[in-house]
Amino acid sequence: MVTEVAKEMQAETKPKAEKQTNCLACNKLIKKLKKYYRNGKFYCSKKCWRAFIDKSKAESGAGKK
């Protein structure tokens, strides 16, 4: 009985993983049928994925100088 209560307490304390609902580049709502998945993140299209990569490279390059 005590072990069951302990298991229930552990299950409740685990944080829930939030689902990504918006594109990282343009902040549009990602539809279920149309989504582009790269490197653990969702984008609305390949164009947005490429824009996000280019933007992050530009920011990291500016931060090094």
N, C-alpha and C. Protein backbone atom coordinates (compact mmCIF):
# COMPACT_ATOMS: atom_id res chain seq x y z
N MET A 1 0.82 -1.19 0.00
CA MET A 1 0.00 0.00 0.00
C MET A 1 0.87 1.26 0.00
N VAL A 2 1.91 1.25 0.82
CA VAL A 2 2.78 2.41 0.91
C VAL A 2 3.53 2.62 -0.40
N THR A 3 3.96 1.53 -1.04
CA THR A 3 4.69 1.66 -2.30
C THR A 3 3.80 2.21 -3.40
N GLU A 4 2.52 1.84 -3.36
CA GLU A 4 1.59 2.36 -4.36
C GLU A 4 1.44 3.88 -4.22
N VAL A 5 1.36 4.34 -3.00
CA VAL A 5 1.22 5.77 -2.74
C VAL A 5 2.48 6.50 -3.19
N ALA A 6 3.65 5.92 -2.94
CA ALA A 6 4.90 6.54 -3.34
C ALA A 6 4.99 6.62 -4.86
N LYS A 7 4.57 5.59 -5.57
CA LYS A 7 4.59 5.61 -7.02
C LYS A 7 3.65 6.67 -7.57
N GLU A 8 2.48 6.82 -6.95
CA GLU A 8 1.53 7.84 -7.39
C GLU A 8 2.10 9.24 -7.19
N MET A 9 2.80 9.45 -6.09
CA MET A 9 3.42 10.75 -5.81
C MET A 9 4.49 11.07 -6.85
N GLN A 10 5.28 10.09 -7.25
CA GLN A 10 6.32 10.31 -8.25
C GLN A 10 5.71 10.61 -9.60
N ALA A 11 4.61 9.92 -9.93
CA ALA A 11 3.95 10.14 -11.21
C ALA A 11 3.39 11.56 -11.28
N GLU A 12 2.90 12.08 -10.19
CA GLU A 12 2.32 13.42 -10.18
C GLU A 12 3.38 14.50 -10.25
N THR A 13 4.57 14.25 -9.72
CA THR A 13 5.59 15.28 -9.68
C THR A 13 6.38 15.42 -10.98
N LYS A 14 6.29 14.46 -11.88
CA LYS A 14 7.02 14.55 -13.14
C LYS A 14 6.43 15.69 -13.99
N PRO A 15 7.28 16.55 -14.52
CA PRO A 15 6.76 17.64 -15.35
C PRO A 15 6.29 17.11 -16.70
N LYS A 16 5.21 17.67 -17.16
CA LYS A 16 4.67 17.29 -18.47
C LYS A 16 5.43 18.01 -19.56
N ALA A 17 5.73 17.32 -20.64
CA ALA A 17 6.40 17.94 -21.78
C ALA A 17 5.35 18.73 -22.56
N GLU A 18 5.64 19.99 -22.80
CA GLU A 18 4.70 20.84 -23.53
C GLU A 18 4.84 20.60 -25.03
N LYS A 19 3.70 20.57 -25.71
CA LYS A 19 3.72 20.39 -27.15
C LYS A 19 3.95 21.75 -27.81
N GLN A 20 4.78 21.73 -28.82
CA GLN A 20 5.04 22.95 -29.57
C GLN A 20 3.87 23.20 -30.51
N THR A 21 3.26 24.36 -30.43
CA THR A 21 2.09 24.65 -31.24
C THR A 21 2.34 25.71 -32.31
N ASN A 22 3.41 26.48 -32.16
CA ASN A 22 3.70 27.55 -33.13
C ASN A 22 5.06 27.34 -33.78
N CYS A 23 5.17 27.83 -35.00
CA CYS A 23 6.43 27.79 -35.74
C CYS A 23 7.44 28.70 -35.05
N LEU A 24 8.69 28.27 -34.95
CA LEU A 24 9.72 29.06 -34.29
C LEU A 24 10.14 30.27 -35.11
N ALA A 25 10.00 30.21 -36.42
CA ALA A 25 10.44 31.31 -37.28
C ALA A 25 9.37 32.38 -37.45
N CYS A 26 8.15 31.98 -37.78
CA CYS A 26 7.12 32.97 -38.09
C CYS A 26 5.99 33.02 -37.06
N ASN A 27 6.01 32.13 -36.08
CA ASN A 27 5.04 32.08 -34.98
C ASN A 27 3.62 31.75 -35.45
N LYS A 28 3.49 31.11 -36.61
CA LYS A 28 2.18 30.67 -37.08
C LYS A 28 1.78 29.40 -36.35
N LEU A 29 0.50 29.15 -36.27
CA LEU A 29 -0.02 27.93 -35.69
C LEU A 29 0.34 26.76 -36.60
N ILE A 30 0.89 25.69 -36.03
CA ILE A 30 1.28 24.53 -36.83
C ILE A 30 0.09 23.60 -36.96
N LYS A 31 -0.33 23.36 -38.17
CA LYS A 31 -1.44 22.46 -38.45
C LYS A 31 -0.97 21.02 -38.32
N LYS A 32 -1.89 20.14 -38.01
CA LYS A 32 -1.55 18.73 -37.83
C LYS A 32 -1.08 18.10 -39.15
N LEU A 33 -1.70 18.47 -40.25
CA LEU A 33 -1.36 17.87 -41.53
C LEU A 33 -0.12 18.49 -42.16
N LYS A 34 0.17 19.73 -41.83
CA LYS A 34 1.29 20.41 -42.47
C LYS A 34 2.29 20.86 -41.42
N LYS A 35 3.32 20.04 -41.21
CA LYS A 35 4.38 20.44 -40.30
C LYS A 35 5.70 19.88 -40.79
N TYR A 36 6.75 20.58 -40.46
CA TYR A 36 8.09 20.25 -40.91
C TYR A 36 8.95 20.05 -39.67
N TYR A 37 9.49 18.86 -39.48
CA TYR A 37 10.21 18.49 -38.27
C TYR A 37 11.70 18.38 -38.55
N ARG A 38 12.51 19.16 -37.84
CA ARG A 38 13.96 19.10 -37.97
C ARG A 38 14.60 19.32 -36.61
N ASN A 39 15.54 18.46 -36.25
CA ASN A 39 16.35 18.59 -35.03
C ASN A 39 15.52 18.77 -33.76
N GLY A 40 14.42 18.02 -33.66
CA GLY A 40 13.61 18.05 -32.45
C GLY A 40 12.66 19.22 -32.34
N LYS A 41 12.50 20.01 -33.41
CA LYS A 41 11.61 21.17 -33.38
C LYS A 41 10.71 21.15 -34.61
N PHE A 42 9.54 21.77 -34.49
CA PHE A 42 8.58 21.83 -35.57
C PHE A 42 8.55 23.21 -36.20
N TYR A 43 8.41 23.23 -37.51
CA TYR A 43 8.28 24.46 -38.28
C TYR A 43 7.09 24.30 -39.22
N CYS A 44 6.55 25.39 -39.74
CA CYS A 44 5.40 25.27 -40.63
C CYS A 44 5.80 24.89 -42.05
N SER A 45 7.05 25.16 -42.43
CA SER A 45 7.51 24.80 -43.78
C SER A 45 9.03 24.74 -43.81
N LYS A 46 9.57 24.24 -44.92
CA LYS A 46 11.01 24.19 -45.09
C LYS A 46 11.59 25.60 -45.17
N LYS A 47 10.85 26.51 -45.74
CA LYS A 47 11.29 27.90 -45.87
C LYS A 47 11.49 28.53 -44.48
N CYS A 48 10.57 28.26 -43.57
CA CYS A 48 10.69 28.80 -42.21
C CYS A 48 11.85 28.14 -41.47
N TRP A 49 12.06 26.87 -41.69
CA TRP A 49 13.19 26.19 -41.07
C TRP A 49 14.50 26.82 -41.52
N ARG A 50 14.63 27.06 -42.82
CA ARG A 50 15.84 27.66 -43.37
C ARG A 50 16.03 29.08 -42.83
N ALA A 51 14.93 29.85 -42.71
CA ALA A 51 15.02 31.21 -42.19
C ALA A 51 15.47 31.19 -40.73
N PHE A 52 14.98 30.25 -39.95
CA PHE A 52 15.37 30.15 -38.54
C PHE A 52 16.85 29.80 -38.42
N ILE A 53 17.34 28.88 -39.26
CA ILE A 53 18.75 28.49 -39.24
C ILE A 53 19.64 29.68 -39.61
N ASP A 54 19.26 30.40 -40.68
CA ASP A 54 20.03 31.57 -41.11
C ASP A 54 20.06 32.65 -40.03
N LYS A 55 18.92 32.87 -39.38
CA LYS A 55 18.82 33.88 -38.33
C LYS A 55 19.69 33.50 -37.13
N SER A 56 19.67 32.23 -36.74
CA SER A 56 20.46 31.80 -35.59
C SER A 56 21.96 31.86 -35.89
N LYS A 57 22.36 31.57 -37.14
CA LYS A 57 23.77 31.68 -37.52
C LYS A 57 24.23 33.13 -37.49
N ALA A 58 23.37 34.03 -37.94
CA ALA A 58 23.72 35.46 -37.94
C ALA A 58 23.86 35.98 -36.51
N GLU A 59 22.99 35.54 -35.61
CA GLU A 59 23.07 35.97 -34.22
C GLU A 59 24.31 35.42 -33.53
N SER A 60 24.64 34.17 -33.80
CA SER A 60 25.81 33.58 -33.16
C SER A 60 27.11 34.19 -33.72
N GLY A 61 27.11 34.55 -34.99
CA GLY A 61 28.27 35.20 -35.59
C GLY A 61 28.48 36.60 -35.04
N ALA A 62 27.38 37.32 -34.81
CA ALA A 62 27.47 38.67 -34.26
C ALA A 62 27.90 38.64 -32.79
N GLY A 63 27.54 37.58 -32.10
CA GLY A 63 27.89 37.46 -30.68
C GLY A 63 29.35 37.15 -30.46
N LYS A 64 30.01 36.51 -31.42
CA LYS A 64 31.42 36.15 -31.29
C LYS A 64 32.35 37.35 -31.49
N LYS A 65 31.92 38.32 -32.28
CA LYS A 65 32.78 39.47 -32.59
C LYS A 65 32.82 40.48 -31.49
